[in-house]
PDB file of N, CA and C in Angstrom:
ATOM      1  N   MET A   1    -137.651   8.558  73.137  1.00  0.00           N
ATOM      2  CA  MET A   1    -138.986   8.064  73.570  1.00  0.00           C
ATOM      3  C   MET A   1    -139.979   7.588  71.716  1.00  0.00           C
ATOM      4  N   ARG A   2    -139.896   8.912  72.118  1.00  0.00           N
ATOM      5  CA  ARG A   2    -140.316   9.612  70.049  1.00  0.00           C
ATOM      6  C   ARG A   2    -139.388   9.610  69.283  1.00  0.00           C
ATOM      7  N   LEU A   3    -138.365   9.331  68.988  1.00  0.00           N
ATOM      8  CA  LEU A   3    -137.426   9.253  67.976  1.00  0.00           C
ATOM      9  C   LEU A   3    -137.860   7.706  67.028  1.00  0.00           C
ATOM     10  N   LEU A   4    -138.279   7.028  68.964  1.00  0.00           N
ATOM     11  CA  LEU A   4    -137.527   5.250  68.162  1.00  0.00           C
ATOM     12  C   LEU A   4    -139.054   4.841  68.057  1.00  0.00           C
ATOM     13  N   GLU A   5    -140.282   6.028  68.070  1.00  0.00           N
ATOM     14  CA  GLU A   5    -141.469   5.558  67.968  1.00  0.00           C
ATOM     15  C   GLU A   5    -141.817   5.595  65.989  1.00  0.00           C
ATOM     16  N   LEU A   6    -141.564   7.205  65.879  1.00  0.00           N
ATOM     17  CA  LEU A   6    -141.178   6.906  64.535  1.00  0.00           C
ATOM     18  C   LEU A   6    -140.336   6.651  63.643  1.00  0.00           C
ATOM     19  N   THR A   7    -139.007   5.714  64.113  1.00  0.00           N
ATOM     20  CA  THR A   7    -137.953   5.259  63.318  1.00  0.00           C
ATOM     21  C   THR A   7    -138.917   3.756  62.913  1.00  0.00           C
ATOM     22  N   LEU A   8    -139.686   3.328  63.821  1.00  0.00           N
ATOM     23  CA  LEU A   8    -140.828   1.500  63.730  1.00  0.00           C
ATOM     24  C   LEU A   8    -141.524   1.835  63.392  1.00  0.00           C
ATOM     25  N   ALA A   9    -142.068   3.278  62.724  1.00  0.00           N
ATOM     26  CA  ALA A   9    -143.168   3.531  61.765  1.00  0.00           C
ATOM     27  C   ALA A   9    -142.214   3.294  59.793  1.00  0.00           C
ATOM     28  N   PHE A  10    -141.909   3.870  60.291  1.00  0.00           N
ATOM     29  CA  PHE A  10    -140.668   3.759  59.474  1.00  0.00           C
ATOM     30  C   PHE A  10    -140.123   2.476  58.352  1.00  0.00           C
ATOM     31  N   VAL A  11    -139.906   1.584  59.338  1.00  0.00           N
ATOM     32  CA  VAL A  11    -139.717   0.319  59.370  1.00  0.00           C
ATOM     33  C   VAL A  11    -140.981   0.152  58.851  1.00  0.00           C
ATOM     34  N   GLU A  12    -142.340   0.072  58.453  1.00  0.00           N
ATOM     35  CA  GLU A  12    -143.573  -0.262  59.370  1.00  0.00           C
ATOM     36  C   GLU A  12    -144.211  -0.072  58.183  1.00  0.00           C
ATOM     37  N   VAL A  13    -144.209   1.001  57.302  1.00  0.00           N
ATOM     38  CA  VAL A  13    -144.565   1.553  55.987  1.00  0.00           C
ATOM     39  C   VAL A  13    -143.698   1.546  54.990  1.00  0.00           C
ATOM     40  N   GLN A  14    -142.687   1.005  55.055  1.00  0.00           N
ATOM     41  CA  GLN A  14    -141.906   0.961  53.978  1.00  0.00           C
ATOM     42  C   GLN A  14    -142.182   0.580  52.491  1.00  0.00           C
ATOM     43  N   ASN A  15    -141.971   1.818  51.548  1.00  0.00           N
ATOM     44  CA  ASN A  15    -142.844   2.368  50.472  1.00  0.00           C
ATOM     45  C   ASN A  15    -143.741   2.862  50.187  1.00  0.00           C
ATOM     46  N   GLY A  16    -144.294   3.332  51.826  1.00  0.00           N
ATOM     47  CA  GLY A  16    -145.520   3.578  51.717  1.00  0.00           C
ATOM     48  C   GLY A  16    -144.939   5.440  52.295  1.00  0.00           C
ATOM     49  N   SER A  17    -145.691   6.130  52.716  1.00  0.00           N
ATOM     50  CA  SER A  17    -146.624   7.334  53.385  1.00  0.00           C
ATOM     51  C   SER A  17    -146.722   6.931  54.507  1.00  0.00           C
ATOM     52  N   ILE A  18    -145.889   8.302  55.087  1.00  0.00           N
ATOM     53  CA  ILE A  18    -146.343   7.769  57.055  1.00  0.00           C
ATOM     54  C   ILE A  18    -146.856   9.336  56.631  1.00  0.00           C
ATOM     55  N   LEU A  19    -147.937  10.179  57.648  1.00  0.00           N
ATOM     56  CA  LEU A  19    -147.833  11.015  58.524  1.00  0.00           C
ATOM     57  C   LEU A  19    -148.153  10.789  60.144  1.00  0.00           C
ATOM     58  N   ILE A  20    -147.252  12.375  60.124  1.00  0.00           N
ATOM     59  CA  ILE A  20    -146.866  12.205  61.581  1.00  0.00           C
ATOM     60  C   ILE A  20    -148.172  13.919  61.569  1.00  0.00           C
ATOM     61  N   ASP A  21    -149.290  13.666  62.679  1.00  0.00           N
ATOM     62  CA  ASP A  21    -149.698  15.498  63.170  1.00  0.00           C
ATOM     63  C   ASP A  21    -148.269  16.057  64.153  1.00  0.00           C
ATOM     64  N   GLU A  22    -148.881  17.445  63.893  1.00  0.00           N
ATOM     65  CA  GLU A  22    -147.791  17.744  65.599  1.00  0.00           C
ATOM     66  C   GLU A  22    -146.036  16.857  65.858  1.00  0.00           C
ATOM     67  N   ILE A  23    -145.767  16.825  64.754  1.00  0.00           N
ATOM     68  CA  ILE A  23    -144.192  16.317  64.774  1.00  0.00           C
ATOM     69  C   ILE A  23    -143.648  16.889  66.276  1.00  0.00           C
ATOM     70  N   GLU A  24    -143.183  18.073  66.550  1.00  0.00           N
ATOM     71  CA  GLU A  24    -143.245  18.425  68.306  1.00  0.00           C
ATOM     72  C   GLU A  24    -143.513  18.292  68.660  1.00  0.00           C
ATOM     73  N   ASN A  25    -143.989  17.347  68.766  1.00  0.00           N
ATOM     74  CA  ASN A  25    -144.317  17.223  70.564  1.00  0.00           C
ATOM     75  C   ASN A  25    -143.921  16.125  71.364  1.00  0.00           C
ATOM     76  N   GLY A  26    -143.519  16.225  72.281  1.00  0.00           N
ATOM     77  CA  GLY A  26    -143.005  15.882  73.052  1.00  0.00           C
ATOM     78  C   GLY A  26    -141.428  15.667  72.811  1.00  0.00           C
ATOM     79  N   LEU A  27    -140.745  16.513  72.081  1.00  0.00           N
ATOM     80  CA  LEU A  27    -139.579  16.844  71.907  1.00  0.00           C
ATOM     81  C   LEU A  27    -139.425  17.854  72.425  1.00  0.00           C
ATOM     82  N   HIS A  28    -137.507  17.946  72.473  1.00  0.00           N
ATOM     83  CA  HIS A  28    -137.588  20.083  73.390  1.00  0.00           C
ATOM     84  C   HIS A  28    -136.916  20.281  71.356  1.00  0.00           C
ATOM     85  N   HIS A  29    -137.440  21.496  71.954  1.00  0.00           N
ATOM     86  CA  HIS A  29    -136.949  22.000  71.284  1.00  0.00           C
ATOM     87  C   HIS A  29    -135.869  22.140  70.375  1.00  0.00           C
ATOM     88  N   SER A  30    -134.587  21.787  71.819  1.00  0.00           N
ATOM     89  CA  SER A  30    -133.318  21.999  71.055  1.00  0.00           C
ATOM     90  C   SER A  30    -132.499  20.468  70.724  1.00  0.00           C
ATOM     91  N   VAL A  31    -133.453  19.284  69.855  1.00  0.00           N
ATOM     92  CA  VAL A  31    -133.454  18.169  69.555  1.00  0.00           C
ATOM     93  C   VAL A  31    -134.133  18.377  68.142  1.00  0.00           C
ATOM     94  N   LEU A  32    -134.881  19.380  67.888  1.00  0.00           N
ATOM     95  CA  LEU A  32    -135.390  19.318  66.634  1.00  0.00           C
ATOM     96  C   LEU A  32    -135.010  18.893  64.798  1.00  0.00           C
ATOM     97  N   GLN A  33    -133.646  19.370  65.419  1.00  0.00           N
ATOM     98  CA  GLN A  33    -132.976  19.880  63.237  1.00  0.00           C
ATOM     99  C   GLN A  33    -131.875  18.439  63.808  1.00  0.00           C
ATOM    100  N   ASP A  34    -132.552  17.289  65.156  1.00  0.00           N
ATOM    101  CA  ASP A  34    -131.189  16.821  64.879  1.00  0.00           C
ATOM    102  C   ASP A  34    -132.617  15.237  63.963  1.00  0.00           C
ATOM    103  N   VAL A  35    -133.788  15.709  65.148  1.00  0.00           N
ATOM    104  CA  VAL A  35    -134.878  14.851  64.388  1.00  0.00           C
ATOM    105  C   VAL A  35    -134.965  14.600  62.874  1.00  0.00           C
ATOM    106  N   TRP A  36    -135.401  15.695  62.436  1.00  0.00           N
ATOM    107  CA  TRP A  36    -135.656  16.321  60.639  1.00  0.00           C
ATOM    108  C   TRP A  36    -134.054  15.111  60.634  1.00  0.00           C
ATOM    109  N   GLN A  37    -133.085  15.847  61.066  1.00  0.00           N
ATOM    110  CA  GLN A  37    -132.198  15.000  60.269  1.00  0.00           C
ATOM    111  C   GLN A  37    -132.650  12.647  59.989  1.00  0.00           C
ATOM    112  N   SER A  38    -133.279  12.841  61.616  1.00  0.00           N
ATOM    113  CA  SER A  38    -132.780  11.047  60.695  1.00  0.00           C
ATOM    114  C   SER A  38    -134.988  11.096  59.936  1.00  0.00           C
ATOM    115  N   ILE A  39    -135.448  11.566  60.633  1.00  0.00           N
ATOM    116  CA  ILE A  39    -136.600  11.754  59.892  1.00  0.00           C
ATOM    117  C   ILE A  39    -136.165  11.644  58.204  1.00  0.00           C
ATOM    118  N   ASN A  40    -135.254  12.717  57.376  1.00  0.00           N
ATOM    119  CA  ASN A  40    -135.032  12.371  56.331  1.00  0.00           C
ATOM    120  C   ASN A  40    -133.985  11.233  56.048  1.00  0.00           C
ATOM    121  N   GLN A  41    -133.556  10.712  56.945  1.00  0.00           N
ATOM    122  CA  GLN A  41    -132.539   8.883  56.169  1.00  0.00           C
ATOM    123  C   GLN A  41    -132.976   8.263  56.689  1.00  0.00           C
ATOM    124  N   LEU A  42    -134.230   8.341  57.320  1.00  0.00           N
ATOM    125  CA  LEU A  42    -134.841   7.308  57.462  1.00  0.00           C
ATOM    126  C   LEU A  42    -136.126   6.835  56.370  1.00  0.00           C
ATOM    127  N   SER A  43    -136.308   8.309  55.769  1.00  0.00           N
ATOM    128  CA  SER A  43    -137.202   8.585  54.636  1.00  0.00           C
ATOM    129  C   SER A  43    -136.748   7.658  53.295  1.00  0.00           C
ATOM    130  N   GLN A  44    -135.658   8.180  53.314  1.00  0.00           N
ATOM    131  CA  GLN A  44    -133.767   7.646  52.057  1.00  0.00           C
ATOM    132  C   GLN A  44    -134.448   6.332  52.347  1.00  0.00           C
ATOM    133  N   LYS A  45    -133.697   5.618  53.434  1.00  0.00           N
ATOM    134  CA  LYS A  45    -133.851   4.347  53.808  1.00  0.00           C
ATOM    135  C   LYS A  45    -134.919   3.713  53.310  1.00  0.00           C
ATOM    136  N   PHE A  46    -135.964   4.109  53.950  1.00  0.00           N
ATOM    137  CA  PHE A  46    -137.043   2.978  53.477  1.00  0.00           C
ATOM    138  C   PHE A  46    -138.104   3.495  52.232  1.00  0.00           C
ATOM    139  N   ASN A  47    -137.272   4.076  52.301  1.00  0.00           N
ATOM    140  CA  ASN A  47    -138.065   4.806  50.675  1.00  0.00           C
ATOM    141  C   ASN A  47    -139.637   5.182  50.963  1.00  0.00           C
ATOM    142  N   VAL A  48    -140.275   6.155  52.249  1.00  0.00           N
ATOM    143  CA  VAL A  48    -141.062   6.968  52.833  1.00  0.00           C
ATOM    144  C   VAL A  48    -140.672   7.966  52.003  1.00  0.00           C
ATOM    145  N   GLN A  49    -142.091   8.659  52.651  1.00  0.00           N
ATOM    146  CA  GLN A  49    -143.398  10.670  51.637  1.00  0.00           C
ATOM    147  C   GLN A  49    -144.020  10.778  53.177  1.00  0.00           C
ATOM    148  N   VAL A  50    -142.786  11.676  53.688  1.00  0.00           N
ATOM    149  CA  VAL A  50    -143.136  12.060  55.146  1.00  0.00           C
ATOM    150  C   VAL A  50    -143.575  13.554  54.802  1.00  0.00           C
ATOM    151  N   PHE A  51    -145.436  13.352  55.545  1.00  0.00           N
ATOM    152  CA  PHE A  51    -146.564  13.723  55.615  1.00  0.00           C
ATOM    153  C   PHE A  51    -146.635  14.905  56.782  1.00  0.00           C
ATOM    154  N   ALA A  52    -146.072  15.817  57.755  1.00  0.00           N
ATOM    155  CA  ALA A  52    -145.913  16.059  58.945  1.00  0.00           C
ATOM    156  C   ALA A  52    -146.607  17.790  59.303  1.00  0.00           C
ATOM    157  N   THR A  53    -147.326  17.707  59.769  1.00  0.00           N
ATOM    158  CA  THR A  53    -148.665  19.599  61.071  1.00  0.00           C
ATOM    159  C   THR A  53    -146.903  19.381  62.141  1.00  0.00           C
ATOM    160  N   THR A  54    -147.374  20.252  61.532  1.00  0.00           N
ATOM    161  CA  THR A  54    -146.432  21.490  62.634  1.00  0.00           C
ATOM    162  C   THR A  54    -147.512  22.656  62.876  1.00  0.00           C
ATOM    163  N   HIS A  55    -147.876  23.726  64.134  1.00  0.00           N
ATOM    164  CA  HIS A  55    -147.989  25.187  63.976  1.00  0.00           C
ATOM    165  C   HIS A  55    -146.756  26.339  64.141  1.00  0.00           C
ATOM    166  N   SER A  56    -145.457  25.490  65.276  1.00  0.00           N
ATOM    167  CA  SER A  56    -144.133  25.185  65.451  1.00  0.00           C
ATOM    168  C   SER A  56    -143.100  26.273  64.775  1.00  0.00           C
ATOM    169  N   TYR A  57    -143.314  27.509  64.701  1.00  0.00           N
ATOM    170  CA  TYR A  57    -142.135  28.146  63.587  1.00  0.00           C
ATOM    171  C   TYR A  57    -140.654  27.821  64.096  1.00  0.00           C
ATOM    172  N   GLU A  58    -140.476  27.446  65.344  1.00  0.00           N
ATOM    173  CA  GLU A  58    -139.955  26.767  65.406  1.00  0.00           C
ATOM    174  C   GLU A  58    -139.410  25.131  65.307  1.00  0.00           C
ATOM    175  N   CYS A  59    -139.654  24.397  64.510  1.00  0.00           N
ATOM    176  CA  CYS A  59    -139.487  23.249  63.568  1.00  0.00           C
ATOM    177  C   CYS A  59    -139.897  23.898  62.583  1.00  0.00           C
ATOM    178  N   MET A  60    -140.198  24.682  61.734  1.00  0.00           N
ATOM    179  CA  MET A  60    -139.779  24.101  60.829  1.00  0.00           C
ATOM    180  C   MET A  60    -138.120  24.965  60.414  1.00  0.00           C
ATOM    181  N   VAL A  61    -138.767  25.935  60.769  1.00  0.00           N
ATOM    182  CA  VAL A  61    -136.967  26.965  60.948  1.00  0.00           C
ATOM    183  C   VAL A  61    -135.936  25.791  61.585  1.00  0.00           C
ATOM    184  N   ALA A  62    -136.179  24.041  61.954  1.00  0.00           N
ATOM    185  CA  ALA A  62    -134.267  23.580  62.239  1.00  0.00           C
ATOM    186  C   ALA A  62    -135.285  22.327  60.970  1.00  0.00           C
ATOM    187  N   ALA A  63    -136.208  22.193  60.964  1.00  0.00           N
ATOM    188  CA  ALA A  63    -136.400  21.920  59.591  1.00  0.00           C
ATOM    189  C   ALA A  63    -135.638  21.419  58.357  1.00  0.00           C
ATOM    190  N   ARG A  64    -135.781  23.680  57.878  1.00  0.00           N
ATOM    191  CA  ARG A  64    -134.781  24.045  56.679  1.00  0.00           C
ATOM    192  C   ARG A  64    -133.490  23.770  57.258  1.00  0.00           C
ATOM    193  N   ASP A  65    -132.868  23.906  58.153  1.00  0.00           N
ATOM    194  CA  ASP A  65    -132.049  23.587  58.530  1.00  0.00           C
ATOM    195  C   ASP A  65    -130.768  22.465  58.214  1.00  0.00           C
ATOM    196  N   ALA A  66    -131.613  21.440  58.422  1.00  0.00           N
ATOM    197  CA  ALA A  66    -131.437  20.090  59.414  1.00  0.00           C
ATOM    198  C   ALA A  66    -131.291  20.319  57.543  1.00  0.00           C
ATOM    199  N   PHE A  67    -131.981  19.950  56.264  1.00  0.00           N
ATOM    200  CA  PHE A  67    -132.384  19.900  55.317  1.00  0.00           C
ATOM    201  C   PHE A  67    -130.984  20.502  54.590  1.00  0.00           C
ATOM    202  N   ALA A  68    -130.562  22.089  54.593  1.00  0.00           N
ATOM    203  CA  ALA A  68    -129.673  22.657  54.164  1.00  0.00           C
ATOM    204  C   ALA A  68    -128.006  21.723  54.503  1.00  0.00           C
ATOM    205  N   ALA A  69    -128.680  21.776  56.410  1.00  0.00           N
ATOM    206  CA  ALA A  69    -126.645  21.199  57.186  1.00  0.00           C
ATOM    207  C   ALA A  69    -126.815  19.645  55.728  1.00  0.00           C
ATOM    208  N   MET A  70    -127.738  18.696  55.527  1.00  0.00           N
ATOM    209  CA  MET A  70    -127.777  17.230  54.994  1.00  0.00           C
ATOM    210  C   MET A  70    -127.227  17.378  53.179  1.00  0.00           C
ATOM    211  N   GLU A  71    -127.544  19.203  52.992  1.00  0.00           N
ATOM    212  CA  GLU A  71    -127.136  19.412  50.884  1.00  0.00           C
ATOM    213  C   GLU A  71    -128.875  18.356  50.156  1.00  0.00           C
ATOM    214  N   SER A  72    -129.774  18.756  51.051  1.00  0.00           N
ATOM    215  CA  SER A  72    -130.407  17.705  50.363  1.00  0.00           C
ATOM    216  C   SER A  72    -131.839  19.023  49.696  1.00  0.00           C
ATOM    217  N   GLN A  73    -132.763  19.134  49.089  1.00  0.00           N
ATOM    218  CA  GLN A  73    -133.692  19.742  49.176  1.00  0.00           C
ATOM    219  C   GLN A  73    -134.651  19.137  49.409  1.00  0.00           C
ATOM    220  N   ASP A  74    -135.133  17.718  49.111  1.00  0.00           N
ATOM    221  CA  ASP A  74    -136.655  17.288  49.754  1.00  0.00           C
ATOM    222  C   ASP A  74    -137.070  17.544  50.826  1.00  0.00           C
ATOM    223  N   LEU A  75    -137.417  18.847  50.490  1.00  0.00           N
ATOM    224  CA  LEU A  75    -138.230  19.843  52.111  1.00  0.00           C
ATOM    225  C   LEU A  75    -139.279  20.301  51.443  1.00  0.00           C
ATOM    226  N   SER A  76    -140.321  20.640  51.234  1.00  0.00           N
ATOM    227  CA  SER A  76    -141.580  21.829  50.974  1.00  0.00           C
ATOM    228  C   SER A  76    -142.423  21.667  51.992  1.00  0.00           C
ATOM    229  N   ILE A  77    -142.527  22.961  51.831  1.00  0.00           N
ATOM    230  CA  ILE A  77    -143.544  23.374  53.312  1.00  0.00           C
ATOM    231  C   ILE A  77    -144.862  23.616  52.385  1.00  0.00           C
ATOM    232  N   HIS A  78    -146.292  22.984  52.798  1.00  0.00           N
ATOM    233  CA  HIS A  78    -147.348  23.541  52.218  1.00  0.00           C
ATOM    234  C   HIS A  78    -148.546  24.130  53.649  1.00  0.00           C
ATOM    235  N   ARG A  79    -148.923  24.921  53.325  1.00  0.00           N
ATOM    236  CA  ARG A  79    -149.416  26.093  54.093  1.00  0.00           C
ATOM    237  C   ARG A  79    -151.385  25.997  53.651  1.00  0.00           C
ATOM    238  N   LEU A  80    -151.943  26.016  54.720  1.00  0.00           N
ATOM    239  CA  LEU A  80    -153.465  25.788  53.730  1.00  0.00           C
ATOM    240  C   LEU A  80    -154.266  26.344  54.218  1.00  0.00           C
ATOM    241  N   SER A  81    -155.202  27.408  53.919  1.00  0.00           N
ATOM    242  CA  SER A  81    -155.788  28.580  54.840  1.00  0.00           C
ATOM    243  C   SER A  81    -157.065  28.822  53.765  1.00  0.00           C
ATOM    244  N   HIS A  82    -157.674  28.932  54.888  1.00  0.00           N
ATOM    245  CA  HIS A  82    -159.045  28.552  54.721  1.00  0.00           C
ATOM    246  C   HIS A  82    -159.770  29.385  53.759  1.00  0.00           C
ATOM    247  N   HIS A  83    -159.878  30.209  53.082  1.00  0.00           N
ATOM    248  CA  HIS A  83    -160.544  31.546  51.260  1.00  0.00           C
ATOM    249  C   HIS A  83    -162.417  30.998  51.542  1.00  0.00           C
ATOM    250  N   ASP A  84    -163.005  32.277  51.296  1.00  0.00           N
ATOM    251  CA  ASP A  84    -164.344  31.760  50.467  1.00  0.00           C
ATOM    252  C   ASP A  84    -164.616  30.633  49.398  1.00  0.00           C
ATOM    253  N   ASP A  85    -164.025  30.656  49.155  1.00  0.00           N
ATOM    254  CA  ASP A  85    -164.467  29.446  47.957  1.00  0.00           C
ATOM    255  C   ASP A  85    -163.401  27.591  48.382  1.00  0.00           C
ATOM    256  N   GLY A  86    -163.292  27.692  49.552  1.00  0.00           N
ATOM    257  CA  GLY A  86    -162.770  26.558  50.331  1.00  0.00           C
ATOM    258  C   GLY A  86    -161.077  26.500  50.969  1.00  0.00           C
ATOM    259  N   ILE A  87    -160.609  25.849  50.958  1.00  0.00           N
ATOM    260  CA  ILE A  87    -159.000  25.655  51.262  1.00  0.00           C
ATOM    261  C   ILE A  87    -158.012  26.130  50.195  1.00  0.00           C
ATOM    262  N   VAL A  88    -157.310  26.019  50.560  1.00  0.00           N
ATOM    263  CA  VAL A  88    -156.034  26.616  49.969  1.00  0.00           C
ATOM    264  C   VAL A  88    -154.497  26.100  50.036  1.00  0.00           C
ATOM    265  N   ALA A  89    -154.097  25.738  49.486  1.00  0.00           N
ATOM    266  CA  ALA A  89    -152.558  25.270  49.600  1.00  0.00           C
ATOM    267  C   ALA A  89    -151.806  26.337  48.755  1.00  0.00           C
ATOM    268  N   THR A  90    -150.804  26.692  49.871  1.00  0.00           N
ATOM    269  CA  THR A  90    -149.426  27.384  49.349  1.00  0.00           C
ATOM    270  C   THR A  90    -148.988  26.465  49.194  1.00  0.00           C
ATOM    271  N   THR A  91    -147.943  26.444  48.497  1.00  0.00           N
ATOM    272  CA  THR A  91    -146.861  25.671  48.516  1.00  0.00           C
ATOM    273  C   THR A  91    -145.321  25.881  48.721  1.00  0.00           C
ATOM    274  N   TYR A  92    -144.425  26.265  49.758  1.00  0.00           N
ATOM    275  CA  TYR A  92    -142.643  26.533  49.109  1.00  0.00           C
ATOM    276  C   TYR A  92    -142.715  25.671  49.697  1.00  0.00           C
ATOM    277  N   PRO A  93    -141.671  25.766  47.588  1.00  0.00           N
ATOM    278  CA  PRO A  93    -140.085  25.310  48.183  1.00  0.00           C
ATOM    279  C   PRO A  93    -139.012  24.684  49.196  1.00  0.00           C
ATOM    280  N   PHE A  94    -138.230  24.235  48.729  1.00  0.00           N
ATOM    281  CA  PHE A  94    -137.135  24.484  49.853  1.00  0.00           C
ATOM    282  C   PHE A  94    -136.368  26.056  49.548  1.00  0.00           C
ATOM    283  N   GLU A  95    -136.418  25.950  47.985  1.00  0.00           N
ATOM    284  CA  GLU A  95    -135.858  27.208  46.917  1.00  0.00           C
ATOM    285  C   GLU A  95    -136.299  28.729  47.981  1.00  0.00           C
ATOM    286  N   ALA A  96    -136.963  28.332  47.907  1.00  0.00           N
ATOM    287  CA  ALA A  96    -137.950  29.798  48.900  1.00  0.00           C
ATOM    288  C   ALA A  96    -137.353  29.546  50.861  1.00  0.00           C
ATOM    289  N   LEU A  97    -137.359  28.762  51.023  1.00  0.00           N
ATOM    290  CA  LEU A  97    -137.973  28.327  52.400  1.00  0.00           C
ATOM    291  C   LEU A  97    -136.731  30.078  53.544  1.00  0.00           C
ATOM    292  N   ASP A  98    -135.714  29.729  52.830  1.00  0.00           N
ATOM    293  CA  ASP A  98    -134.580  30.824  53.121  1.00  0.00           C
ATOM    294  C   ASP A  98    -135.615  32.711  53.745  1.00  0.00           C
ATOM    295  N   PHE A  99    -135.772  32.436  52.257  1.00  0.00           N
ATOM    296  CA  PHE A  99    -136.351  33.762  53.056  1.00  0.00           C
ATOM    297  C   PHE A  99    -137.686  33.862  53.337  1.00  0.00           C
ATOM    298  N   THR A 100    -138.755  32.709  53.441  1.00  0.00           N
ATOM    299  CA  THR A 100    -139.697  32.371  54.104  1.00  0.00           C
ATOM    300  C   THR A 100    -139.925  32.688  55.786  1.00  0.00           C
ATOM    301  N   LEU A 101    -138.735  31.462  55.728  1.00  0.00           N
ATOM    302  CA  LEU A 101    -138.543  31.932  57.318  1.00  0.00           C
ATOM    303  C   LEU A 101    -137.282  33.283  58.163  1.00  0.00           C
ATOM    304  N   ASP A 102    -137.091  32.851  56.953  1.00  0.00           N
ATOM    305  CA  ASP A 102    -136.145  33.945  57.617  1.00  0.00           C
ATOM    306  C   ASP A 102    -135.852  35.684  57.875  1.00  0.00           C
ATOM    307  N   TYR A 103    -137.400  36.111  56.692  1.00  0.00           N
ATOM    308  CA  TYR A 103    -138.209  37.383  57.008  1.00  0.00           C
ATOM    309  C   TYR A 103    -139.631  37.657  57.554  1.00  0.00           C
ATOM    310  N   GLY A 104    -139.508  36.655  57.834  1.00  0.00           N
ATOM    311  CA  GLY A 104    -141.215  35.915  59.689  1.00  0.00           C
ATOM    312  C   GLY A 104    -142.140  36.251  58.607  1.00  0.00           C
ATOM    313  N   ALA A 105    -142.541  34.919  57.633  1.00  0.00           N
ATOM    314  CA  ALA A 105    -144.055  35.313  56.257  1.00  0.00           C
ATOM    315  C   ALA A 105    -144.207  34.155  57.129  1.00  0.00           C
ATOM    316  N   GLU A 106    -145.374  34.733  57.524  1.00  0.00           N
ATOM    317  CA  GLU A 106    -147.092  33.663  57.799  1.00  0.00           C
ATOM    318  C   GLU A 106    -147.405  32.798  57.289  1.00  0.00           C
ATOM    319  N   ILE A 107    -145.738  31.457  57.541  1.00  0.00           N
ATOM    320  CA  ILE A 107    -146.112  30.421  56.768  1.00  0.00           C
ATOM    321  C   ILE A 107    -147.138  28.917  58.122  1.00  0.00           C
ATOM    322  N   ARG A 108    -147.669  30.006  58.623  1.00  0.00           N
ATOM    323  CA  ARG A 108    -148.101  28.262  59.744  1.00  0.00           C
ATOM    324  C   ARG A 108    -149.519  27.788  59.465  1.00  0.00           C
TER     325      ARG A 108
END
C-alpha cells in the first residue's frame, strides 16, 4: 500500500517536487532497496525531485545501494544540525556516500 501511495503521488506531482517524511515508515527493511529503485525510476519517468527524510541508517544504506545498482548518482544526503548560529546543512554527494556510510560516520 505504501508503494502504491507513493506511485500515485508521483503521477500527481509530475514535473514538480515531492516531500516524503520518514520514508521507511510502514516498510520492512528487506524491501527498502527495491523501494529506492522504484523511487529513482518514478522520479525520472515523471520528472520529479524527491526530498525524503529518515533517521534510519538502514534506509540510507539501502538508498545508496539502490542507486549504485542502477548506476545512478542522482542521490545526495543532507544532514541538518543545530549550531549556535542556527541550523547548518551538510551535504554528502553520492561520491562520498561509500566512505561516509561504510565507516559509520554519523549523518542521521
